[in-house]
Amino acid sequence: MLDFTLEALEARLRPHFRGEASADMHRLYQIVIESTPAFFLTIERGTLTLGLGEAPDLGCPRVRFYYPSLELAFAILEGKANPMEAFMAGNVRSDGHLIMALQLGLLFPPKPRN
């Protein structure tokens, strides 16, 4: 099983976050994974904050993503898997504002394929 501490989440996800793409954003992304505790990403004007569990009400727009595994969630957020392909294959679903859901791909963009 993957390490699921706040420190491990920070170490894995922070290097892939594009803060410049979120300079004007105030968003909350809740990540829900089967058989794993939830975690959340708060985006506040170029800054990423992570938390474990259900996100508190921060008075900002929220999108909830559902993944079948922590491995797939990390692959998408680290840019190793294409989020649109995963969505079209039925491996990822979300609720909330569609445009905000798509903006997550700008914050954690897929790596170019060779």
PDB file of N, CA and C in Angstrom:
ATOM      1  N   MET A   1       0.843  -1.197   0.000  1.00  0.00           N
ATOM      2  CA  MET A   1       0.000   0.000   0.000  1.00  0.00           C
ATOM      3  C   MET A   1       0.875   1.242   0.000  1.00  0.00           C
ATOM      4  N   LEU A   2       0.405   2.276  -0.642  1.00  0.00           N
ATOM      5  CA  LEU A   2       1.140   3.525  -0.700  1.00  0.00           C
ATOM      6  C   LEU A   2       1.088   4.239   0.646  1.00  0.00           C
ATOM      7  N   ASP A   3       2.138   5.006   0.933  1.00  0.00           N
ATOM      8  CA  ASP A   3       2.196   5.804   2.157  1.00  0.00           C
ATOM      9  C   ASP A   3       1.098   6.870   2.081  1.00  0.00           C
ATOM     10  N   PHE A   4       0.244   6.922   3.104  1.00  0.00           N
ATOM     11  CA  PHE A   4      -0.882   7.849   3.080  1.00  0.00           C
ATOM     12  C   PHE A   4      -0.850   8.751   4.311  1.00  0.00           C
ATOM     13  N   THR A   5       0.214   9.518   4.429  1.00  0.00           N
ATOM     14  CA  THR A   5       0.307  10.536   5.461  1.00  0.00           C
ATOM     15  C   THR A   5       0.262  11.895   4.766  1.00  0.00           C
ATOM     16  N   LEU A   6      -0.018  12.926   5.517  1.00  0.00           N
ATOM     17  CA  LEU A   6      -0.039  14.263   4.937  1.00  0.00           C
ATOM     18  C   LEU A   6       1.329  14.612   4.353  1.00  0.00           C
ATOM     19  N   GLU A   7       2.396  14.219   5.038  1.00  0.00           N
ATOM     20  CA  GLU A   7       3.742  14.501   4.557  1.00  0.00           C
ATOM     21  C   GLU A   7       4.006  13.789   3.231  1.00  0.00           C
ATOM     22  N   ALA A   8       3.549  12.544   3.109  1.00  0.00           N
ATOM     23  CA  ALA A   8       3.741  11.790   1.866  1.00  0.00           C
ATOM     24  C   ALA A   8       2.939  12.412   0.726  1.00  0.00           C
ATOM     25  N   LEU A   9       1.710  12.852   1.010  1.00  0.00           N
ATOM     26  CA  LEU A   9       0.909  13.521  -0.016  1.00  0.00           C
ATOM     27  C   LEU A   9       1.605  14.787  -0.500  1.00  0.00           C
ATOM     28  N   GLU A  10       2.084  15.579   0.437  1.00  0.00           N
ATOM     29  CA  GLU A  10       2.797  16.819   0.097  1.00  0.00           C
ATOM     30  C   GLU A  10       3.999  16.515  -0.786  1.00  0.00           C
ATOM     31  N   ALA A  11       4.806  15.534  -0.392  1.00  0.00           N
ATOM     32  CA  ALA A  11       6.025  15.195  -1.126  1.00  0.00           C
ATOM     33  C   ALA A  11       5.717  14.722  -2.547  1.00  0.00           C
ATOM     34  N   ARG A  12       4.637  13.994  -2.716  1.00  0.00           N
ATOM     35  CA  ARG A  12       4.293  13.468  -4.036  1.00  0.00           C
ATOM     36  C   ARG A  12       3.641  14.499  -4.939  1.00  0.00           C
ATOM     37  N   LEU A  13       2.772  15.335  -4.391  1.00  0.00           N
ATOM     38  CA  LEU A  13       1.965  16.206  -5.239  1.00  0.00           C
ATOM     39  C   LEU A  13       2.527  17.605  -5.438  1.00  0.00           C
ATOM     40  N   ARG A  14       3.172  18.176  -4.440  1.00  0.00           N
ATOM     41  CA  ARG A  14       3.650  19.551  -4.555  1.00  0.00           C
ATOM     42  C   ARG A  14       4.566  19.774  -5.763  1.00  0.00           C
ATOM     43  N   PRO A  15       5.490  18.855  -6.110  1.00  0.00           N
ATOM     44  CA  PRO A  15       6.350  19.101  -7.276  1.00  0.00           C
ATOM     45  C   PRO A  15       5.600  19.173  -8.606  1.00  0.00           C
ATOM     46  N   HIS A  16       4.393  18.662  -8.659  1.00  0.00           N
ATOM     47  CA  HIS A  16       3.625  18.633  -9.901  1.00  0.00           C
ATOM     48  C   HIS A  16       2.618  19.776 -10.009  1.00  0.00           C
ATOM     49  N   PHE A  17       2.483  20.550  -8.966  1.00  0.00           N
ATOM     50  CA  PHE A  17       1.508  21.646  -8.924  1.00  0.00           C
ATOM     51  C   PHE A  17       2.056  22.865  -9.655  1.00  0.00           C
ATOM     52  N   ARG A  18       1.240  23.420 -10.553  1.00  0.00           N
ATOM     53  CA  ARG A  18       1.607  24.642 -11.275  1.00  0.00           C
ATOM     54  C   ARG A  18       0.905  25.828 -10.619  1.00  0.00           C
ATOM     55  N   GLY A  19       1.566  26.437  -9.654  1.00  0.00           N
ATOM     56  CA  GLY A  19       0.990  27.562  -8.930  1.00  0.00           C
ATOM     57  C   GLY A  19       0.640  28.739  -9.811  1.00  0.00           C
ATOM     58  N   GLU A  20       1.437  28.970 -10.855  1.00  0.00           N
ATOM     59  CA  GLU A  20       1.181  30.104 -11.745  1.00  0.00           C
ATOM     60  C   GLU A  20      -0.144  29.957 -12.480  1.00  0.00           C
ATOM     61  N   ALA A  21      -0.634  28.750 -12.636  1.00  0.00           N
ATOM     62  CA  ALA A  21      -1.917  28.518 -13.304  1.00  0.00           C
ATOM     63  C   ALA A  21      -3.099  28.805 -12.389  1.00  0.00           C
ATOM     64  N   SER A  22      -2.824  29.036 -11.107  1.00  0.00           N
ATOM     65  CA  SER A  22      -3.919  29.239 -10.155  1.00  0.00           C
ATOM     66  C   SER A  22      -3.855  30.595  -9.468  1.00  0.00           C
ATOM     67  N   ALA A  23      -3.204  31.551 -10.088  1.00  0.00           N
ATOM     68  CA  ALA A  23      -2.999  32.858  -9.453  1.00  0.00           C
ATOM     69  C   ALA A  23      -4.303  33.528  -9.021  1.00  0.00           C
ATOM     70  N   ASP A  24      -5.385  33.322  -9.754  1.00  0.00           N
ATOM     71  CA  ASP A  24      -6.659  33.974  -9.431  1.00  0.00           C
ATOM     72  C   ASP A  24      -7.702  33.004  -8.882  1.00  0.00           C
ATOM     73  N   MET A  25      -7.288  31.802  -8.504  1.00  0.00           N
ATOM     74  CA  MET A  25      -8.250  30.780  -8.080  1.00  0.00           C
ATOM     75  C   MET A  25      -8.413  30.708  -6.573  1.00  0.00           C
ATOM     76  N   HIS A  26      -9.631  30.360  -6.191  1.00  0.00           N
ATOM     77  CA  HIS A  26      -9.980  30.018  -4.813  1.00  0.00           C
ATOM     78  C   HIS A  26     -10.889  28.800  -4.940  1.00  0.00           C
ATOM     79  N   ARG A  27     -10.309  27.600  -4.782  1.00  0.00           N
ATOM     80  CA  ARG A  27     -11.019  26.355  -5.071  1.00  0.00           C
ATOM     81  C   ARG A  27     -10.719  25.287  -4.032  1.00  0.00           C
ATOM     82  N   LEU A  28     -11.607  24.323  -3.986  1.00  0.00           N
ATOM     83  CA  LEU A  28     -11.423  23.158  -3.125  1.00  0.00           C
ATOM     84  C   LEU A  28     -11.732  21.915  -3.955  1.00  0.00           C
ATOM     85  N   TYR A  29     -10.779  20.991  -3.993  1.00  0.00           N
ATOM     86  CA  TYR A  29     -10.954  19.726  -4.698  1.00  0.00           C
ATOM     87  C   TYR A  29     -10.911  18.600  -3.673  1.00  0.00           C
ATOM     88  N   GLN A  30     -12.018  17.911  -3.516  1.00  0.00           N
ATOM     89  CA  GLN A  30     -12.103  16.761  -2.608  1.00  0.00           C
ATOM     90  C   GLN A  30     -11.799  15.511  -3.411  1.00  0.00           C
ATOM     91  N   ILE A  31     -10.897  14.682  -2.920  1.00  0.00           N
ATOM     92  CA  ILE A  31     -10.505  13.453  -3.604  1.00  0.00           C
ATOM     93  C   ILE A  31     -11.029  12.275  -2.787  1.00  0.00           C
ATOM     94  N   VAL A  32     -11.892  11.473  -3.401  1.00  0.00           N
ATOM     95  CA  VAL A  32     -12.492  10.317  -2.741  1.00  0.00           C
ATOM     96  C   VAL A  32     -12.025   9.070  -3.478  1.00  0.00           C
ATOM     97  N   ILE A  33     -11.487   8.113  -2.723  1.00  0.00           N
ATOM     98  CA  ILE A  33     -10.912   6.912  -3.306  1.00  0.00           C
ATOM     99  C   ILE A  33     -11.490   5.695  -2.595  1.00  0.00           C
ATOM    100  N   GLU A  34     -11.875   4.695  -3.369  1.00  0.00           N
ATOM    101  CA  GLU A  34     -12.400   3.466  -2.774  1.00  0.00           C
ATOM    102  C   GLU A  34     -11.383   2.876  -1.803  1.00  0.00           C
ATOM    103  N   SER A  35     -11.828   2.480  -0.636  1.00  0.00           N
ATOM    104  CA  SER A  35     -11.016   1.776   0.369  1.00  0.00           C
ATOM    105  C   SER A  35      -9.835   2.586   0.895  1.00  0.00           C
ATOM    106  N   THR A  36      -9.859   3.896   0.755  1.00  0.00           N
ATOM    107  CA  THR A  36      -8.783   4.760   1.243  1.00  0.00           C
ATOM    108  C   THR A  36      -9.426   6.011   1.828  1.00  0.00           C
ATOM    109  N   PRO A  37      -8.865   6.559   2.904  1.00  0.00           N
ATOM    110  CA  PRO A  37      -9.424   7.816   3.412  1.00  0.00           C
ATOM    111  C   PRO A  37      -9.349   8.925   2.354  1.00  0.00           C
ATOM    112  N   ALA A  38     -10.299   9.810   2.387  1.00  0.00           N
ATOM    113  CA  ALA A  38     -10.332  10.937   1.453  1.00  0.00           C
ATOM    114  C   ALA A  38      -9.247  11.948   1.811  1.00  0.00           C
ATOM    115  N   PHE A  39      -8.904  12.780   0.828  1.00  0.00           N
ATOM    116  CA  PHE A  39      -8.040  13.927   1.089  1.00  0.00           C
ATOM    117  C   PHE A  39      -8.516  15.073   0.217  1.00  0.00           C
ATOM    118  N   PHE A  40      -8.008  16.266   0.466  1.00  0.00           N
ATOM    119  CA  PHE A  40      -8.462  17.418  -0.304  1.00  0.00           C
ATOM    120  C   PHE A  40      -7.305  18.347  -0.634  1.00  0.00           C
ATOM    121  N   LEU A  41      -7.521  19.108  -1.703  1.00  0.00           N
ATOM    122  CA  LEU A  41      -6.571  20.101  -2.170  1.00  0.00           C
ATOM    123  C   LEU A  41      -7.272  21.454  -2.116  1.00  0.00           C
ATOM    124  N   THR A  42      -6.680  22.394  -1.440  1.00  0.00           N
ATOM    125  CA  THR A  42      -7.209  23.749  -1.423  1.00  0.00           C
ATOM    126  C   THR A  42      -6.269  24.610  -2.250  1.00  0.00           C
ATOM    127  N   ILE A  43      -6.829  25.323  -3.205  1.00  0.00           N
ATOM    128  CA  ILE A  43      -6.058  26.201  -4.080  1.00  0.00           C
ATOM    129  C   ILE A  43      -6.452  27.629  -3.720  1.00  0.00           C
ATOM    130  N   GLU A  44      -5.481  28.407  -3.325  1.00  0.00           N
ATOM    131  CA  GLU A  44      -5.747  29.789  -2.922  1.00  0.00           C
ATOM    132  C   GLU A  44      -4.694  30.698  -3.536  1.00  0.00           C
ATOM    133  N   ARG A  45      -5.055  31.342  -4.656  1.00  0.00           N
ATOM    134  CA  ARG A  45      -4.202  32.325  -5.328  1.00  0.00           C
ATOM    135  C   ARG A  45      -2.747  31.850  -5.468  1.00  0.00           C
ATOM    136  N   GLY A  46      -2.571  30.713  -6.116  1.00  0.00           N
ATOM    137  CA  GLY A  46      -1.244  30.202  -6.406  1.00  0.00           C
ATOM    138  C   GLY A  46      -0.646  29.303  -5.346  1.00  0.00           C
ATOM    139  N   THR A  47      -1.365  29.070  -4.269  1.00  0.00           N
ATOM    140  CA  THR A  47      -0.855  28.259  -3.167  1.00  0.00           C
ATOM    141  C   THR A  47      -1.678  26.976  -3.044  1.00  0.00           C
ATOM    142  N   LEU A  48      -0.981  25.869  -2.854  1.00  0.00           N
ATOM    143  CA  LEU A  48      -1.615  24.569  -2.662  1.00  0.00           C
ATOM    144  C   LEU A  48      -1.502  24.165  -1.201  1.00  0.00           C
ATOM    145  N   THR A  49      -2.635  23.781  -0.615  1.00  0.00           N
ATOM    146  CA  THR A  49      -2.665  23.231   0.730  1.00  0.00           C
ATOM    147  C   THR A  49      -3.385  21.902   0.653  1.00  0.00           C
ATOM    148  N   LEU A  50      -2.833  20.889   1.313  1.00  0.00           N
ATOM    149  CA  LEU A  50      -3.441  19.565   1.318  1.00  0.00           C
ATOM    150  C   LEU A  50      -3.954  19.240   2.707  1.00  0.00           C
ATOM    151  N   GLY A  51      -4.976  18.402   2.762  1.00  0.00           N
ATOM    152  CA  GLY A  51      -5.516  17.960   4.039  1.00  0.00           C
ATOM    153  C   GLY A  51      -6.072  16.555   3.913  1.00  0.00           C
ATOM    154  N   LEU A  52      -6.143  15.881   5.029  1.00  0.00           N
ATOM    155  CA  LEU A  52      -6.690  14.529   5.060  1.00  0.00           C
ATOM    156  C   LEU A  52      -8.142  14.560   5.505  1.00  0.00           C
ATOM    157  N   GLY A  53      -8.933  13.616   5.006  1.00  0.00           N
ATOM    158  CA  GLY A  53     -10.325  13.504   5.405  1.00  0.00           C
ATOM    159  C   GLY A  53     -11.230  14.372   4.570  1.00  0.00           C
ATOM    160  N   GLU A  54     -12.406  14.616   5.116  1.00  0.00           N
ATOM    161  CA  GLU A  54     -13.399  15.453   4.454  1.00  0.00           C
ATOM    162  C   GLU A  54     -13.020  16.914   4.666  1.00  0.00           C
ATOM    163  N   ALA A  55     -13.025  17.684   3.595  1.00  0.00           N
ATOM    164  CA  ALA A  55     -12.647  19.094   3.675  1.00  0.00           C
ATOM    165  C   ALA A  55     -13.701  19.891   4.433  1.00  0.00           C
ATOM    166  N   PRO A  56     -13.268  20.847   5.228  1.00  0.00           N
ATOM    167  CA  PRO A  56     -14.228  21.723   5.906  1.00  0.00           C
ATOM    168  C   PRO A  56     -14.864  22.680   4.904  1.00  0.00           C
ATOM    169  N   ASP A  57     -15.935  23.302   5.287  1.00  0.00           N
ATOM    170  CA  ASP A  57     -16.571  24.303   4.436  1.00  0.00           C
ATOM    171  C   ASP A  57     -15.715  25.554   4.480  1.00  0.00           C
ATOM    172  N   LEU A  58     -15.063  25.859   3.380  1.00  0.00           N
ATOM    173  CA  LEU A  58     -14.178  27.021   3.308  1.00  0.00           C
ATOM    174  C   LEU A  58     -14.816  28.187   2.575  1.00  0.00           C
ATOM    175  N   GLY A  59     -16.087  28.030   2.228  1.00  0.00           N
ATOM    176  CA  GLY A  59     -16.788  29.114   1.553  1.00  0.00           C
ATOM    177  C   GLY A  59     -16.324  29.348   0.128  1.00  0.00           C
ATOM    178  N   CYS A  60     -15.745  28.333  -0.489  1.00  0.00           N
ATOM    179  CA  CYS A  60     -15.310  28.470  -1.870  1.00  0.00           C
ATOM    180  C   CYS A  60     -15.904  27.328  -2.684  1.00  0.00           C
ATOM    181  N   PRO A  61     -15.892  27.454  -4.004  1.00  0.00           N
ATOM    182  CA  PRO A  61     -16.429  26.382  -4.846  1.00  0.00           C
ATOM    183  C   PRO A  61     -15.680  25.068  -4.618  1.00  0.00           C
ATOM    184  N   ARG A  62     -16.418  23.961  -4.682  1.00  0.00           N
ATOM    185  CA  ARG A  62     -15.853  22.640  -4.415  1.00  0.00           C
ATOM    186  C   ARG A  62     -16.236  21.683  -5.543  1.00  0.00           C
ATOM    187  N   VAL A  63     -15.266  20.839  -5.907  1.00  0.00           N
ATOM    188  CA  VAL A  63     -15.499  19.739  -6.834  1.00  0.00           C
ATOM    189  C   VAL A  63     -15.011  18.474  -6.144  1.00  0.00           C
ATOM    190  N   ARG A  64     -15.779  17.424  -6.270  1.00  0.00           N
ATOM    191  CA  ARG A  64     -15.419  16.134  -5.672  1.00  0.00           C
ATOM    192  C   ARG A  64     -15.069  15.168  -6.803  1.00  0.00           C
ATOM    193  N   PHE A  65     -13.882  14.548  -6.702  1.00  0.00           N
ATOM    194  CA  PHE A  65     -13.450  13.538  -7.670  1.00  0.00           C
ATOM    195  C   PHE A  65     -13.490  12.175  -7.009  1.00  0.00           C
ATOM    196  N   TYR A  66     -13.909  11.177  -7.766  1.00  0.00           N
ATOM    197  CA  TYR A  66     -13.989   9.794  -7.290  1.00  0.00           C
ATOM    198  C   TYR A  66     -13.055   8.935  -8.145  1.00  0.00           C
ATOM    199  N   TYR A  67     -12.122   8.264  -7.477  1.00  0.00           N
ATOM    200  CA  TYR A  67     -11.155   7.390  -8.142  1.00  0.00           C
ATOM    201  C   TYR A  67     -11.304   5.979  -7.591  1.00  0.00           C
ATOM    202  N   PRO A  68     -11.057   4.956  -8.422  1.00  0.00           N
ATOM    203  CA  PRO A  68     -11.141   3.584  -7.932  1.00  0.00           C
ATOM    204  C   PRO A  68      -9.926   3.170  -7.095  1.00  0.00           C
ATOM    205  N   SER A  69      -8.798   3.909  -7.241  1.00  0.00           N
ATOM    206  CA  SER A  69      -7.592   3.551  -6.490  1.00  0.00           C
ATOM    207  C   SER A  69      -6.722   4.776  -6.241  1.00  0.00           C
ATOM    208  N   LEU A  70      -5.943   4.696  -5.180  1.00  0.00           N
ATOM    209  CA  LEU A  70      -4.990   5.763  -4.869  1.00  0.00           C
ATOM    210  C   LEU A  70      -3.927   5.842  -5.958  1.00  0.00           C
ATOM    211  N   GLU A  71      -3.547   4.700  -6.517  1.00  0.00           N
ATOM    212  CA  GLU A  71      -2.544   4.675  -7.573  1.00  0.00           C
ATOM    213  C   GLU A  71      -2.994   5.494  -8.785  1.00  0.00           C
ATOM    214  N   LEU A  72      -4.258   5.346  -9.189  1.00  0.00           N
ATOM    215  CA  LEU A  72      -4.755   6.116 -10.332  1.00  0.00           C
ATOM    216  C   LEU A  72      -4.833   7.596  -9.982  1.00  0.00           C
ATOM    217  N   ALA A  73      -5.287   7.936  -8.795  1.00  0.00           N
ATOM    218  CA  ALA A  73      -5.351   9.345  -8.386  1.00  0.00           C
ATOM    219  C   ALA A  73      -3.964   9.975  -8.458  1.00  0.00           C
ATOM    220  N   PHE A  74      -2.948   9.292  -7.914  1.00  0.00           N
ATOM    221  CA  PHE A  74      -1.586   9.814  -7.974  1.00  0.00           C
ATOM    222  C   PHE A  74      -1.094   9.896  -9.418  1.00  0.00           C
ATOM    223  N   ALA A  75      -1.375   8.887 -10.224  1.00  0.00           N
ATOM    224  CA  ALA A  75      -0.919   8.903 -11.619  1.00  0.00           C
ATOM    225  C   ALA A  75      -1.468  10.116 -12.356  1.00  0.00           C
ATOM    226  N   ILE A  76      -2.724  10.444 -12.113  1.00  0.00           N
ATOM    227  CA  ILE A  76      -3.321  11.611 -12.761  1.00  0.00           C
ATOM    228  C   ILE A  76      -2.747  12.904 -12.205  1.00  0.00           C
ATOM    229  N   LEU A  77      -2.671  13.034 -10.891  1.00  0.00           N
ATOM    230  CA  LEU A  77      -2.183  14.269 -10.289  1.00  0.00           C
ATOM    231  C   LEU A  77      -0.687  14.481 -10.509  1.00  0.00           C
ATOM    232  N   GLU A  78       0.044  13.409 -10.735  1.00  0.00           N
ATOM    233  CA  GLU A  78       1.474  13.532 -11.020  1.00  0.00           C
ATOM    234  C   GLU A  78       1.753  13.668 -12.513  1.00  0.00           C
ATOM    235  N   GLY A  79       0.713  13.663 -13.335  1.00  0.00           N
ATOM    236  CA  GLY A  79       0.877  13.843 -14.767  1.00  0.00           C
ATOM    237  C   GLY A  79       1.287  12.605 -15.523  1.00  0.00           C
ATOM    238  N   LYS A  80       1.195  11.442 -14.896  1.00  0.00           N
ATOM    239  CA  LYS A  80       1.589  10.187 -15.543  1.00  0.00           C
ATOM    240  C   LYS A  80       0.436   9.540 -16.309  1.00  0.00           C
ATOM    241  N   ALA A  81      -0.783   9.939 -16.004  1.00  0.00           N
ATOM    242  CA  ALA A  81      -1.966   9.428 -16.694  1.00  0.00           C
ATOM    243  C   ALA A  81      -2.797  10.622 -17.157  1.00  0.00           C
ATOM    244  N   ASN A  82      -3.443  10.471 -18.280  1.00  0.00           N
ATOM    245  CA  ASN A  82      -4.251  11.542 -18.835  1.00  0.00           C
ATOM    246  C   ASN A  82      -5.626  11.541 -18.167  1.00  0.00           C
ATOM    247  N   PRO A  83      -6.006  12.644 -17.508  1.00  0.00           N
ATOM    248  CA  PRO A  83      -7.290  12.663 -16.807  1.00  0.00           C
ATOM    249  C   PRO A  83      -8.493  12.534 -17.734  1.00  0.00           C
ATOM    250  N   MET A  84      -8.407  13.090 -18.931  1.00  0.00           N
ATOM    251  CA  MET A  84      -9.542  13.002 -19.863  1.00  0.00           C
ATOM    252  C   MET A  84      -9.720  11.562 -20.333  1.00  0.00           C
ATOM    253  N   GLU A  85      -8.627  10.865 -20.606  1.00  0.00           N
ATOM    254  CA  GLU A  85      -8.725   9.465 -21.004  1.00  0.00           C
ATOM    255  C   GLU A  85      -9.310   8.615 -19.875  1.00  0.00           C
ATOM    256  N   ALA A  86      -8.893   8.877 -18.641  1.00  0.00           N
ATOM    257  CA  ALA A  86      -9.413   8.130 -17.490  1.00  0.00           C
ATOM    258  C   ALA A  86     -10.900   8.403 -17.310  1.00  0.00           C
ATOM    259  N   PHE A  87     -11.309   9.650 -17.508  1.00  0.00           N
ATOM    260  CA  PHE A  87     -12.721  10.006 -17.396  1.00  0.00           C
ATOM    261  C   PHE A  87     -13.541   9.314 -18.490  1.00  0.00           C
ATOM    262  N   MET A  88     -13.053   9.365 -19.724  1.00  0.00           N
ATOM    263  CA  MET A  88     -13.782   8.770 -20.844  1.00  0.00           C
ATOM    264  C   MET A  88     -13.869   7.244 -20.710  1.00  0.00           C
ATOM    265  N   ALA A  89     -12.884   6.636 -20.044  1.00  0.00           N
ATOM    266  CA  ALA A  89     -12.901   5.188 -19.832  1.00  0.00           C
ATOM    267  C   ALA A  89     -13.758   4.800 -18.631  1.00  0.00           C
ATOM    268  N   GLY A  90     -14.301   5.794 -17.926  1.00  0.00           N
ATOM    269  CA  GLY A  90     -15.148   5.522 -16.773  1.00  0.00           C
ATOM    270  C   GLY A  90     -14.379   5.247 -15.491  1.00  0.00           C
ATOM    271  N   ASN A  91     -13.080   5.565 -15.469  1.00  0.00           N
ATOM    272  CA  ASN A  91     -12.264   5.321 -14.281  1.00  0.00           C
ATOM    273  C   ASN A  91     -12.253   6.475 -13.296  1.00  0.00           C
ATOM    274  N   VAL A  92     -12.756   7.617 -13.703  1.00  0.00           N
ATOM    275  CA  VAL A  92     -12.817   8.804 -12.846  1.00  0.00           C
ATOM    276  C   VAL A  92     -14.173   9.439 -13.052  1.00  0.00           C
ATOM    277  N   ARG A  93     -14.759   9.900 -11.990  1.00  0.00           N
ATOM    278  CA  ARG A  93     -15.989  10.678 -12.120  1.00  0.00           C
ATOM    279  C   ARG A  93     -15.898  11.853 -11.153  1.00  0.00           C
ATOM    280  N   SER A  94     -16.714  12.841 -11.383  1.00  0.00           N
ATOM    281  CA  SER A  94     -16.689  14.010 -10.511  1.00  0.00           C
ATOM    282  C   SER A  94     -18.096  14.575 -10.390  1.00  0.00           C
ATOM    283  N   ASP A  95     -18.269  15.362  -9.351  1.00  0.00           N
ATOM    284  CA  ASP A  95     -19.494  16.131  -9.229  1.00  0.00           C
ATOM    285  C   ASP A  95     -19.102  17.553  -8.865  1.00  0.00           C
ATOM    286  N   GLY A  96     -19.962  18.444  -9.194  1.00  0.00           N
ATOM    287  CA  GLY A  96     -19.652  19.853  -8.988  1.00  0.00           C
ATOM    288  C   GLY A  96     -19.550  20.549 -10.335  1.00  0.00           C
ATOM    289  N   HIS A  97     -18.943  21.672 -10.338  1.00  0.00           N
ATOM    290  CA  HIS A  97     -18.839  22.527 -11.507  1.00  0.00           C
ATOM    291  C   HIS A  97     -17.879  21.921 -12.538  1.00  0.00           C
ATOM    292  N   LEU A  98     -18.355  21.649 -13.757  1.00  0.00           N
ATOM    293  CA  LEU A  98     -17.561  20.986 -14.782  1.00  0.00           C
ATOM    294  C   LEU A  98     -16.302  21.775 -15.150  1.00  0.00           C
ATOM    295  N   ILE A  99     -16.422  23.073 -15.316  1.00  0.00           N
ATOM    296  CA  ILE A  99     -15.256  23.887 -15.676  1.00  0.00           C
ATOM    297  C   ILE A  99     -14.188  23.794 -14.586  1.00  0.00           C
ATOM    298  N   MET A 100     -14.601  23.824 -13.332  1.00  0.00           N
ATOM    299  CA  MET A 100     -13.631  23.685 -12.240  1.00  0.00           C
ATOM    300  C   MET A 100     -12.968  22.314 -12.278  1.00  0.00           C
ATOM    301  N   ALA A 101     -13.728  21.288 -12.612  1.00  0.00           N
ATOM    302  CA  ALA A 101     -13.157  19.945 -12.702  1.00  0.00           C
ATOM    303  C   ALA A 101     -12.087  19.909 -13.787  1.00  0.00           C
ATOM    304  N   LEU A 102     -12.372  20.516 -14.929  1.00  0.00           N
ATOM    305  CA  LEU A 102     -11.394  20.543 -16.010  1.00  0.00           C
ATOM    306  C   LEU A 102     -10.168  21.371 -15.646  1.00  0.00           C
ATOM    307  N   GLN A 103     -10.337  22.388 -14.821  1.00  0.00           N
ATOM    308  CA  GLN A 103      -9.209  23.232 -14.424  1.00  0.00           C
ATOM    309  C   GLN A 103      -8.182  22.486 -13.590  1.00  0.00           C
ATOM    310  N   LEU A 104      -8.571  21.385 -12.961  1.00  0.00           N
ATOM    311  CA  LEU A 104      -7.599  20.602 -12.205  1.00  0.00           C
ATOM    312  C   LEU A 104      -6.484  20.117 -13.133  1.00  0.00           C
ATOM    313  N   GLY A 105      -6.818  19.847 -14.387  1.00  0.00           N
ATOM    314  CA  GLY A 105      -5.808  19.441 -15.361  1.00  0.00           C
ATOM    315  C   GLY A 105      -4.806  20.537 -15.681  1.00  0.00           C
ATOM    316  N   LEU A 106      -5.182  21.798 -15.505  1.00  0.00           N
ATOM    317  CA  LEU A 106      -4.236  22.906 -15.676  1.00  0.00           C
ATOM    318  C   LEU A 106      -3.292  23.009 -14.490  1.00  0.00           C
ATOM    319  N   LEU A 107      -3.796  22.655 -13.324  1.00  0.00           N
ATOM    320  CA  LEU A 107      -2.987  22.760 -12.104  1.00  0.00           C
ATOM    321  C   LEU A 107      -2.015  21.605 -11.958  1.00  0.00           C
ATOM    322  N   PHE A 108      -2.419  20.434 -12.459  1.00  0.00           N
ATOM    323  CA  PHE A 108      -1.591  19.227 -12.437  1.00  0.00           C
ATOM    324  C   PHE A 108      -1.602  18.640 -13.846  1.00  0.00           C
ATOM    325  N   PRO A 109      -0.876  19.260 -14.789  1.00  0.00           N
ATOM    326  CA  PRO A 109      -0.989  18.864 -16.199  1.00  0.00           C
ATOM    327  C   PRO A 109      -0.318  17.531 -16.491  1.00  0.00           C
ATOM    328  N   PRO A 110      -0.873  16.790 -17.465  1.00  0.00           N
ATOM    329  CA  PRO A 110      -0.232  15.546 -17.897  1.00  0.00           C
ATOM    330  C   PRO A 110       1.143  15.854 -18.506  1.00  0.00           C
ATOM    331  N   LYS A 111       2.077  14.950 -18.314  1.00  0.00           N
ATOM    332  CA  LYS A 111       3.400  15.078 -18.917  1.00  0.00           C
ATOM    333  C   LYS A 111       3.289  14.749 -20.397  1.00  0.00           C
ATOM    334  N   PRO A 112       4.080  15.442 -21.250  1.00  0.00           N
ATOM    335  CA  PRO A 112       4.046  15.131 -22.683  1.00  0.00           C
ATOM    336  C   PRO A 112       4.515  13.691 -22.930  1.00  0.00           C
ATOM    337  N   ARG A 113       3.871  13.064 -23.888  1.00  0.00           N
ATOM    338  CA  ARG A 113       4.277  11.700 -24.271  1.00  0.00           C
ATOM    339  C   ARG A 113       5.379  11.796 -25.321  1.00  0.00           C
ATOM    340  N   ASN A 114       6.299  10.878 -25.257  1.00  0.00           N
ATOM    341  CA  ASN A 114       7.392  10.845 -26.244  1.00  0.00           C
ATOM    342  C   ASN A 114       6.987  10.072 -27.465  1.00  0.00           C
TER     343      ASN A 114
END
